Amino acid sequence: MSKNNNIKVSVSAIIYNDQNEILLGLRNGSRWRDFFDLPGGKLEFGEHPNIALIREVKEETNLDVEIEDNFVAYNSNVVEDRHYLTLFLKAKIKNNSPELTNLEPHKHEYFKWYDIYNLPSPLLMSIEEFLPNYLV
């Protein structure tokens, strides 16, 4: 058991476009490099999940989004010394939002839209386990 055995809470955005595609980014940071991931990140202390999601999406993609559906919690497995509780929220891009731009190239190589029935591989573990059940 790790000395740092607290649980981190993260949010992930399921953002659809008009072509029935969702937005995924290819990670290039040291952890989970070359895995596809939804936009999102960790909650700051005292932060509401909806506010965290809007902030994280803006920081990563430059998109302005609004929450469209309540969150669904996913308890990921403990991997190495990390344990995350991920909250998935459905969001849509606001009218007049800036264009999609990768604002954190040190974390993601790129963001791209993918058909929900033809997703790239490999997906981050929590997404791979959660999305097929959500999309049914």
N, C-alpha and C. Protein backbone atom coordinates (compact mmCIF):
# COMPACT_ATOMS: atom_id res chain seq x y z
N MET A 1 0.84 -1.18 0.00
CA MET A 1 0.00 0.00 0.00
C MET A 1 0.88 1.24 0.00
N SER A 2 0.52 2.18 -0.80
CA SER A 2 1.27 3.42 -0.92
C SER A 2 1.11 4.29 0.32
N LYS A 3 2.11 5.10 0.59
CA LYS A 3 2.01 6.06 1.70
C LYS A 3 0.98 7.13 1.38
N ASN A 4 0.81 7.44 0.09
CA ASN A 4 -0.15 8.44 -0.35
C ASN A 4 -1.41 7.72 -0.80
N ASN A 5 -2.24 7.29 0.16
CA ASN A 5 -3.39 6.47 -0.17
C ASN A 5 -4.70 7.24 -0.20
N ASN A 6 -4.66 8.51 -0.56
CA ASN A 6 -5.91 9.24 -0.69
C ASN A 6 -6.46 9.08 -2.11
N ILE A 7 -7.73 9.35 -2.26
CA ILE A 7 -8.41 9.21 -3.54
C ILE A 7 -8.48 10.58 -4.21
N LYS A 8 -8.15 10.63 -5.49
CA LYS A 8 -8.26 11.85 -6.28
C LYS A 8 -9.57 11.79 -7.06
N VAL A 9 -10.21 12.93 -7.22
CA VAL A 9 -11.45 13.01 -7.99
C VAL A 9 -11.15 13.77 -9.27
N SER A 10 -11.55 13.18 -10.39
CA SER A 10 -11.35 13.84 -11.68
C SER A 10 -12.67 13.90 -12.43
N VAL A 11 -12.72 14.80 -13.41
CA VAL A 11 -13.89 14.95 -14.27
C VAL A 11 -13.45 14.71 -15.71
N SER A 12 -14.34 14.09 -16.48
CA SER A 12 -14.10 13.87 -17.90
C SER A 12 -15.32 14.32 -18.68
N ALA A 13 -15.09 15.04 -19.78
CA ALA A 13 -16.18 15.60 -20.58
C ALA A 13 -16.49 14.71 -21.77
N ILE A 14 -17.74 14.32 -21.87
CA ILE A 14 -18.23 13.63 -23.07
C ILE A 14 -18.88 14.73 -23.92
N ILE A 15 -18.12 15.19 -24.92
CA ILE A 15 -18.58 16.30 -25.77
C ILE A 15 -18.90 15.75 -27.15
N TYR A 16 -20.15 15.90 -27.56
CA TYR A 16 -20.60 15.45 -28.89
C TYR A 16 -20.61 16.63 -29.86
N ASN A 17 -20.47 16.31 -31.15
CA ASN A 17 -20.72 17.32 -32.18
C ASN A 17 -21.95 16.89 -32.98
N ASP A 18 -22.29 17.64 -34.03
CA ASP A 18 -23.49 17.35 -34.82
C ASP A 18 -23.37 16.10 -35.68
N GLN A 19 -22.17 15.57 -35.84
CA GLN A 19 -21.95 14.37 -36.64
C GLN A 19 -21.91 13.09 -35.78
N ASN A 20 -22.40 13.19 -34.55
CA ASN A 20 -22.43 12.05 -33.62
C ASN A 20 -21.02 11.55 -33.31
N GLU A 21 -20.10 12.49 -33.12
CA GLU A 21 -18.73 12.18 -32.77
C GLU A 21 -18.43 12.75 -31.39
N ILE A 22 -17.44 12.14 -30.71
CA ILE A 22 -17.01 12.69 -29.43
C ILE A 22 -15.55 13.13 -29.54
N LEU A 23 -15.19 14.05 -28.68
CA LEU A 23 -13.85 14.63 -28.70
C LEU A 23 -12.92 13.82 -27.81
N LEU A 24 -11.79 13.39 -28.39
CA LEU A 24 -10.77 12.67 -27.65
C LEU A 24 -9.41 13.29 -27.93
N GLY A 25 -8.53 13.21 -26.95
CA GLY A 25 -7.17 13.69 -27.12
C GLY A 25 -6.18 12.55 -26.97
N LEU A 26 -5.10 12.60 -27.73
CA LEU A 26 -4.03 11.61 -27.60
C LEU A 26 -3.02 12.14 -26.60
N ARG A 27 -2.88 11.44 -25.49
CA ARG A 27 -1.99 11.89 -24.41
C ARG A 27 -0.53 11.75 -24.82
N ASN A 28 0.28 12.71 -24.39
CA ASN A 28 1.72 12.59 -24.65
C ASN A 28 2.54 12.90 -23.41
N GLY A 29 1.87 13.03 -22.27
CA GLY A 29 2.60 13.20 -21.02
C GLY A 29 3.25 11.89 -20.62
N SER A 30 3.99 11.89 -19.55
CA SER A 30 4.71 10.69 -19.14
C SER A 30 3.77 9.57 -18.70
N ARG A 31 2.69 9.91 -18.02
CA ARG A 31 1.74 8.89 -17.56
C ARG A 31 0.66 8.72 -18.63
N TRP A 32 0.42 7.49 -19.05
CA TRP A 32 -0.61 7.14 -20.03
C TRP A 32 -0.30 7.69 -21.42
N ARG A 33 0.96 7.84 -21.73
CA ARG A 33 1.38 8.30 -23.06
C ARG A 33 0.81 7.36 -24.13
N ASP A 34 0.35 7.97 -25.23
CA ASP A 34 -0.20 7.25 -26.39
C ASP A 34 -1.55 6.59 -26.12
N PHE A 35 -2.24 6.99 -25.06
CA PHE A 35 -3.61 6.56 -24.82
C PHE A 35 -4.55 7.71 -25.16
N PHE A 36 -5.74 7.38 -25.67
CA PHE A 36 -6.74 8.40 -25.95
C PHE A 36 -7.56 8.65 -24.70
N ASP A 37 -7.90 9.93 -24.51
CA ASP A 37 -8.54 10.37 -23.28
C ASP A 37 -9.57 11.45 -23.60
N LEU A 38 -10.58 11.56 -22.77
CA LEU A 38 -11.54 12.67 -22.87
C LEU A 38 -10.93 13.92 -22.25
N PRO A 39 -11.35 15.10 -22.70
CA PRO A 39 -10.90 16.32 -22.01
C PRO A 39 -11.35 16.27 -20.55
N GLY A 40 -10.53 16.79 -19.67
CA GLY A 40 -10.88 16.82 -18.25
C GLY A 40 -9.65 16.87 -17.37
N GLY A 41 -9.87 16.69 -16.09
CA GLY A 41 -8.76 16.73 -15.16
C GLY A 41 -9.24 16.65 -13.72
N LYS A 42 -8.35 16.98 -12.81
CA LYS A 42 -8.64 16.86 -11.38
C LYS A 42 -9.40 18.07 -10.83
N LEU A 43 -10.26 17.78 -9.86
CA LEU A 43 -10.94 18.85 -9.13
C LEU A 43 -9.95 19.53 -8.20
N GLU A 44 -10.11 20.83 -8.05
CA GLU A 44 -9.36 21.56 -7.04
C GLU A 44 -10.17 21.47 -5.74
N PHE A 45 -9.49 21.61 -4.61
CA PHE A 45 -10.16 21.50 -3.32
C PHE A 45 -11.35 22.46 -3.25
N GLY A 46 -12.53 21.93 -2.90
CA GLY A 46 -13.74 22.72 -2.74
C GLY A 46 -14.46 23.06 -4.03
N GLU A 47 -13.95 22.63 -5.17
CA GLU A 47 -14.52 22.99 -6.47
C GLU A 47 -15.68 22.05 -6.83
N HIS A 48 -16.75 22.61 -7.36
CA HIS A 48 -17.89 21.82 -7.83
C HIS A 48 -17.49 21.11 -9.12
N PRO A 49 -17.90 19.85 -9.30
CA PRO A 49 -17.52 19.11 -10.51
C PRO A 49 -17.89 19.81 -11.82
N ASN A 50 -19.05 20.46 -11.88
CA ASN A 50 -19.44 21.16 -13.11
C ASN A 50 -18.47 22.30 -13.43
N ILE A 51 -18.08 23.05 -12.42
CA ILE A 51 -17.14 24.16 -12.60
C ILE A 51 -15.77 23.61 -13.01
N ALA A 52 -15.36 22.51 -12.38
CA ALA A 52 -14.08 21.90 -12.72
C ALA A 52 -14.06 21.46 -14.18
N LEU A 53 -15.15 20.86 -14.64
CA LEU A 53 -15.20 20.38 -16.02
C LEU A 53 -15.11 21.54 -17.00
N ILE A 54 -15.88 22.58 -16.76
CA ILE A 54 -15.85 23.75 -17.65
C ILE A 54 -14.44 24.34 -17.68
N ARG A 55 -13.81 24.44 -16.52
CA ARG A 55 -12.45 24.99 -16.43
C ARG A 55 -11.45 24.11 -17.16
N GLU A 56 -11.49 22.81 -16.91
CA GLU A 56 -10.53 21.89 -17.51
C GLU A 56 -10.67 21.84 -19.04
N VAL A 57 -11.91 21.82 -19.54
CA VAL A 57 -12.11 21.81 -20.99
C VAL A 57 -11.54 23.08 -21.61
N LYS A 58 -11.78 24.20 -20.98
CA LYS A 58 -11.25 25.48 -21.49
C LYS A 58 -9.72 25.46 -21.47
N GLU A 59 -9.12 25.01 -20.37
CA GLU A 59 -7.65 24.98 -20.26
C GLU A 59 -7.01 24.07 -21.30
N GLU A 60 -7.67 22.97 -21.63
CA GLU A 60 -7.08 22.00 -22.55
C GLU A 60 -7.40 22.28 -24.01
N THR A 61 -8.63 22.72 -24.31
CA THR A 61 -9.09 22.77 -25.70
C THR A 61 -9.50 24.16 -26.19
N ASN A 62 -9.59 25.11 -25.29
CA ASN A 62 -10.06 26.47 -25.59
C ASN A 62 -11.56 26.53 -25.86
N LEU A 63 -12.28 25.42 -25.73
CA LEU A 63 -13.72 25.40 -25.99
C LEU A 63 -14.50 25.87 -24.77
N ASP A 64 -15.57 26.60 -25.04
CA ASP A 64 -16.52 26.97 -24.00
C ASP A 64 -17.66 25.96 -24.04
N VAL A 65 -17.89 25.28 -22.93
CA VAL A 65 -18.93 24.25 -22.90
C VAL A 65 -19.91 24.54 -21.78
N GLU A 66 -21.08 23.90 -21.90
CA GLU A 66 -22.06 23.91 -20.82
C GLU A 66 -22.45 22.47 -20.55
N ILE A 67 -22.75 22.20 -19.29
CA ILE A 67 -23.11 20.85 -18.87
C ILE A 67 -24.50 20.54 -19.40
N GLU A 68 -24.62 19.38 -20.01
CA GLU A 68 -25.89 18.98 -20.61
C GLU A 68 -26.57 17.86 -19.81
N ASP A 69 -25.78 17.11 -19.05
CA ASP A 69 -26.33 15.97 -18.33
C ASP A 69 -25.58 15.82 -17.01
N ASN A 70 -26.24 15.28 -16.02
CA ASN A 70 -25.62 15.05 -14.73
C ASN A 70 -24.47 14.06 -14.85
N PHE A 71 -23.64 14.06 -13.84
CA PHE A 71 -22.47 13.19 -13.90
C PHE A 71 -22.79 11.76 -13.52
N VAL A 72 -21.97 10.88 -14.04
CA VAL A 72 -21.99 9.47 -13.68
C VAL A 72 -20.64 9.16 -13.09
N ALA A 73 -20.61 8.57 -11.92
CA ALA A 73 -19.34 8.27 -11.26
C ALA A 73 -18.80 6.93 -11.73
N TYR A 74 -17.50 6.88 -11.84
CA TYR A 74 -16.81 5.64 -12.19
C TYR A 74 -15.64 5.49 -11.24
N ASN A 75 -15.59 4.39 -10.53
CA ASN A 75 -14.50 4.13 -9.59
C ASN A 75 -13.43 3.33 -10.30
N SER A 76 -12.36 3.99 -10.68
CA SER A 76 -11.30 3.28 -11.41
C SER A 76 -10.51 2.39 -10.47
N ASN A 77 -9.83 1.45 -11.05
CA ASN A 77 -8.96 0.59 -10.27
C ASN A 77 -7.77 1.39 -9.76
N VAL A 78 -7.15 0.87 -8.74
CA VAL A 78 -5.91 1.47 -8.26
C VAL A 78 -4.81 1.03 -9.23
N VAL A 79 -4.11 2.00 -9.79
CA VAL A 79 -3.02 1.72 -10.72
C VAL A 79 -1.77 2.35 -10.16
N GLU A 80 -0.76 1.54 -10.00
CA GLU A 80 0.49 1.97 -9.37
C GLU A 80 0.14 2.55 -8.01
N ASP A 81 0.38 3.83 -7.79
CA ASP A 81 0.09 4.45 -6.49
C ASP A 81 -1.09 5.42 -6.58
N ARG A 82 -1.92 5.28 -7.60
CA ARG A 82 -3.01 6.24 -7.81
C ARG A 82 -4.38 5.56 -7.78
N HIS A 83 -5.33 6.25 -7.17
CA HIS A 83 -6.72 5.80 -7.15
C HIS A 83 -7.58 7.01 -7.48
N TYR A 84 -8.31 6.91 -8.58
CA TYR A 84 -9.15 8.02 -9.02
C TYR A 84 -10.62 7.63 -9.01
N LEU A 85 -11.45 8.58 -8.64
CA LEU A 85 -12.88 8.50 -8.84
C LEU A 85 -13.15 9.47 -9.97
N THR A 86 -13.61 8.97 -11.10
CA THR A 86 -13.85 9.82 -12.27
C THR A 86 -15.33 10.10 -12.41
N LEU A 87 -15.67 11.37 -12.60
CA LEU A 87 -17.04 11.79 -12.84
C LEU A 87 -17.15 12.17 -14.32
N PHE A 88 -17.98 11.44 -15.04
CA PHE A 88 -18.20 11.72 -16.46
C PHE A 88 -19.41 12.63 -16.59
N LEU A 89 -19.25 13.71 -17.34
CA LEU A 89 -20.34 14.66 -17.56
C LEU A 89 -20.50 14.88 -19.05
N LYS A 90 -21.75 14.88 -19.51
CA LYS A 90 -22.02 15.19 -20.91
C LYS A 90 -22.09 16.70 -21.04
N ALA A 91 -21.38 17.22 -22.04
CA ALA A 91 -21.33 18.68 -22.25
C ALA A 91 -21.50 18.98 -23.72
N LYS A 92 -21.94 20.21 -24.00
CA LYS A 92 -22.02 20.64 -25.39
C LYS A 92 -21.28 21.95 -25.54
N ILE A 93 -20.81 22.18 -26.75
CA ILE A 93 -20.07 23.40 -27.04
C ILE A 93 -21.07 24.55 -27.15
N LYS A 94 -20.77 25.64 -26.49
CA LYS A 94 -21.63 26.82 -26.54
C LYS A 94 -21.55 27.48 -27.91
N ASN A 95 -22.64 28.14 -28.28
CA ASN A 95 -22.61 28.96 -29.49
C ASN A 95 -21.54 30.03 -29.32
N ASN A 96 -20.87 30.38 -30.38
CA ASN A 96 -19.82 31.41 -30.37
C ASN A 96 -18.59 31.01 -29.56
N SER A 97 -18.40 29.72 -29.32
CA SER A 97 -17.20 29.26 -28.62
C SER A 97 -16.00 29.44 -29.54
N PRO A 98 -14.83 29.73 -28.97
CA PRO A 98 -13.62 29.76 -29.80
C PRO A 98 -13.39 28.39 -30.45
N GLU A 99 -12.55 28.34 -31.46
CA GLU A 99 -12.24 27.08 -32.14
C GLU A 99 -11.46 26.13 -31.25
N LEU A 100 -11.60 24.85 -31.56
CA LEU A 100 -10.84 23.82 -30.86
C LEU A 100 -9.35 24.07 -31.08
N THR A 101 -8.62 24.18 -29.97
CA THR A 101 -7.18 24.42 -29.99
C THR A 101 -6.55 23.64 -28.86
N ASN A 102 -5.48 22.94 -29.14
CA ASN A 102 -4.76 22.21 -28.10
C ASN A 102 -3.90 23.20 -27.31
N LEU A 103 -4.38 23.60 -26.14
CA LEU A 103 -3.68 24.60 -25.33
C LEU A 103 -2.64 24.00 -24.38
N GLU A 104 -2.62 22.68 -24.27
CA GLU A 104 -1.65 22.02 -23.40
C GLU A 104 -0.93 20.91 -24.17
N PRO A 105 -0.09 21.31 -25.14
CA PRO A 105 0.59 20.30 -25.96
C PRO A 105 1.55 19.42 -25.18
N HIS A 106 1.91 19.83 -23.97
CA HIS A 106 2.75 18.97 -23.13
C HIS A 106 1.95 17.82 -22.52
N LYS A 107 0.61 17.90 -22.57
CA LYS A 107 -0.25 16.85 -22.03
C LYS A 107 -0.92 16.01 -23.13
N HIS A 108 -1.28 16.66 -24.24
CA HIS A 108 -1.95 15.97 -25.35
C HIS A 108 -1.27 16.36 -26.65
N GLU A 109 -1.04 15.35 -27.49
CA GLU A 109 -0.46 15.62 -28.80
C GLU A 109 -1.47 16.36 -29.67
N TYR A 110 -2.75 15.92 -29.60
CA TYR A 110 -3.81 16.58 -30.35
C TYR A 110 -5.16 16.16 -29.80
N PHE A 111 -6.19 16.91 -30.18
CA PHE A 111 -7.59 16.55 -29.94
C PHE A 111 -8.25 16.38 -31.30
N LYS A 112 -9.15 15.42 -31.38
CA LYS A 112 -9.80 15.12 -32.65
C LYS A 112 -11.18 14.52 -32.38
N TRP A 113 -12.10 14.71 -33.34
CA TRP A 113 -13.44 14.14 -33.23
C TRP A 113 -13.44 12.72 -33.78
N TYR A 114 -14.11 11.79 -33.05
CA TYR A 114 -14.17 10.39 -33.45
C TYR A 114 -15.61 9.90 -33.41
N ASP A 115 -15.98 9.10 -34.42
CA ASP A 115 -17.29 8.47 -34.47
C ASP A 115 -17.45 7.60 -33.21
N ILE A 116 -18.59 7.72 -32.56
CA ILE A 116 -18.78 7.01 -31.29
C ILE A 116 -18.79 5.50 -31.46
N TYR A 117 -19.02 5.03 -32.69
CA TYR A 117 -19.03 3.59 -32.93
C TYR A 117 -17.73 3.09 -33.57
N ASN A 118 -16.76 3.97 -33.69
CA ASN A 118 -15.46 3.61 -34.26
C ASN A 118 -14.37 4.39 -33.52
N LEU A 119 -14.24 4.12 -32.23
CA LEU A 119 -13.30 4.86 -31.40
C LEU A 119 -11.88 4.35 -31.59
N PRO A 120 -10.90 5.22 -31.42
CA PRO A 120 -9.51 4.80 -31.58
C PRO A 120 -9.06 3.94 -30.40
N SER A 121 -7.89 3.39 -30.55
CA SER A 121 -7.33 2.53 -29.51
C SER A 121 -5.85 2.87 -29.36
N PRO A 122 -5.33 2.75 -28.14
CA PRO A 122 -6.01 2.33 -26.91
C PRO A 122 -6.65 3.52 -26.21
N LEU A 123 -7.79 3.26 -25.58
CA LEU A 123 -8.45 4.26 -24.75
C LEU A 123 -7.93 4.12 -23.33
N LEU A 124 -7.91 5.22 -22.60
CA LEU A 124 -7.57 5.18 -21.18
C LEU A 124 -8.52 4.19 -20.50
N MET A 125 -8.03 3.45 -19.53
CA MET A 125 -8.77 2.35 -18.92
C MET A 125 -10.18 2.76 -18.47
N SER A 126 -10.33 3.87 -17.77
CA SER A 126 -11.64 4.26 -17.27
C SER A 126 -12.61 4.54 -18.41
N ILE A 127 -12.12 5.11 -19.50
CA ILE A 127 -12.97 5.42 -20.65
C ILE A 127 -13.36 4.14 -21.37
N GLU A 128 -12.41 3.25 -21.54
CA GLU A 128 -12.67 1.98 -22.22
C GLU A 128 -13.73 1.17 -21.48
N GLU A 129 -13.72 1.23 -20.16
CA GLU A 129 -14.70 0.49 -19.38
C GLU A 129 -16.03 1.20 -19.27
N PHE A 130 -16.03 2.52 -19.28
CA PHE A 130 -17.25 3.29 -19.06
C PHE A 130 -18.03 3.57 -20.34
N LEU A 131 -17.37 4.06 -21.39
CA LEU A 131 -18.06 4.56 -22.58
C LEU A 131 -18.97 3.54 -23.26
N PRO A 132 -18.56 2.30 -23.48
CA PRO A 132 -19.47 1.38 -24.15
C PRO A 132 -20.83 1.26 -23.44
N ASN A 133 -20.85 1.28 -22.13
CA ASN A 133 -22.12 1.19 -21.38
C ASN A 133 -22.90 2.49 -21.49
N TYR A 134 -22.22 3.61 -21.56
CA TYR A 134 -22.88 4.91 -21.63
C TYR A 134 -23.50 5.12 -23.01
N LEU A 135 -22.84 4.65 -24.06
CA LEU A 135 -23.27 4.91 -25.42
C LEU A 135 -24.39 4.00 -25.88
N VAL A 136 -24.71 2.97 -25.09
CA VAL A 136 -25.76 2.02 -25.50
C VAL A 136 -27.11 2.68 -25.47
